[in-house]
C-alpha atoms as a PDB file:
ATOM      1  CA  MET A   1      78.451  32.260  89.682  1.00  0.00           C
ATOM      2  CA  PRO A   2      80.808  35.088  88.684  1.00  0.00           C
ATOM      3  CA  VAL A   3      83.137  34.443  85.874  1.00  0.00           C
ATOM      4  CA  PRO A   4      86.664  35.888  85.648  1.00  0.00           C
ATOM      5  CA  TYR A   5      85.634  38.319  83.001  1.00  0.00           C
ATOM      6  CA  ASP A   6      83.058  40.194  84.952  1.00  0.00           C
ATOM      7  CA  ASN A   7      85.390  42.693  86.237  1.00  0.00           C
ATOM      8  CA  ALA A   8      87.434  43.185  83.155  1.00  0.00           C
ATOM      9  CA  VAL A   9      85.761  46.249  82.035  1.00  0.00           C
ATOM     10  CA  ALA A  10      86.142  48.031  85.428  1.00  0.00           C
ATOM     11  CA  GLU A  11      89.723  47.072  85.668  1.00  0.00           C
ATOM     12  CA  SER A  12      90.473  48.248  82.273  1.00  0.00           C
ATOM     13  CA  PHE A  13      88.885  51.581  83.062  1.00  0.00           C
ATOM     14  CA  PHE A  14      90.899  51.969  86.267  1.00  0.00           C
ATOM     15  CA  LEU A  15      94.111  51.098  84.513  1.00  0.00           C
ATOM     16  CA  SER A  16      93.637  53.901  81.775  1.00  0.00           C
ATOM     17  CA  MET A  17      92.627  56.480  84.315  1.00  0.00           C
ATOM     18  CA  LYS A  18      95.789  55.772  86.532  1.00  0.00           C
ATOM     19  CA  ALA A  19      98.118  55.571  83.465  1.00  0.00           C
ATOM     20  CA  GLU A  20      96.608  58.784  81.719  1.00  0.00           C
ATOM     21  CA  GLU A  21      95.596  61.038  84.556  1.00  0.00           C
ATOM     22  CA  LEU A  22      96.372  60.084  88.204  1.00  0.00           C
ATOM     23  CA  SER A  23      99.902  59.137  87.746  1.00  0.00           C
ATOM     24  CA  HIS A  24     100.926  62.462  86.365  1.00  0.00           C
ATOM     25  CA  HIS A  25      99.835  64.459  89.392  1.00  0.00           C
ATOM     26  CA  PHE A  26     100.242  64.685  93.206  1.00  0.00           C
ATOM     27  CA  TYR A  27      97.139  65.821  94.846  1.00  0.00           C
ATOM     28  CA  GLU A  28      97.201  67.940  98.127  1.00  0.00           C
ATOM     29  CA  GLU A  29      93.694  68.728  98.074  1.00  0.00           C
ATOM     30  CA  PRO A  30      90.893  66.155  97.771  1.00  0.00           C
ATOM     31  CA  GLU A  31      88.664  68.507  95.844  1.00  0.00           C
ATOM     32  CA  LYS A  32      91.167  68.731  92.983  1.00  0.00           C
ATOM     33  CA  LEU A  33      91.421  64.957  92.870  1.00  0.00           C
ATOM     34  CA  PHE A  34      87.519  64.671  92.752  1.00  0.00           C
ATOM     35  CA  GLN A  35      87.363  67.397  89.834  1.00  0.00           C
ATOM     36  CA  ASP A  36      90.074  65.659  87.885  1.00  0.00           C
ATOM     37  CA  VAL A  37      88.401  62.217  88.268  1.00  0.00           C
ATOM     38  CA  ALA A  38      85.080  63.671  87.417  1.00  0.00           C
ATOM     39  CA  GLU A  39      86.536  65.322  84.328  1.00  0.00           C
ATOM     40  CA  TYR A  40      88.318  62.057  83.290  1.00  0.00           C
ATOM     41  CA  VAL A  41      85.126  60.079  83.639  1.00  0.00           C
ATOM     42  CA  ASP A  42      83.027  62.556  81.517  1.00  0.00           C
ATOM     43  CA  SER A  43      85.851  62.598  78.887  1.00  0.00           C
ATOM     44  CA  PHE A  44      86.314  58.729  78.915  1.00  0.00           C
ATOM     45  CA  ASN A  45      82.576  58.413  78.513  1.00  0.00           C
ATOM     46  CA  SER A  46      81.797  60.897  75.918  1.00  0.00           C
ATOM     47  CA  LYS A  47      84.857  61.343  73.849  1.00  0.00           C
ATOM     48  CA  ARG A  48      86.585  58.036  73.623  1.00  0.00           C
ATOM     49  CA  ILE A  49      85.552  55.232  71.086  1.00  0.00           C
ATOM     50  CA  HIS A  50      84.656  52.113  73.067  1.00  0.00           C
END
């Protein structure tokens, strides 16, 4: 049985990504969006303290 906190980590990540990266840009090309998301995920996983 799922508990309310099961999705908290994913929700926190997406909130951070939207606030720190995606809300500052308007993407006309999907490739640029995919590139920025990949770079953000890499930086989030390797450089941020968790």
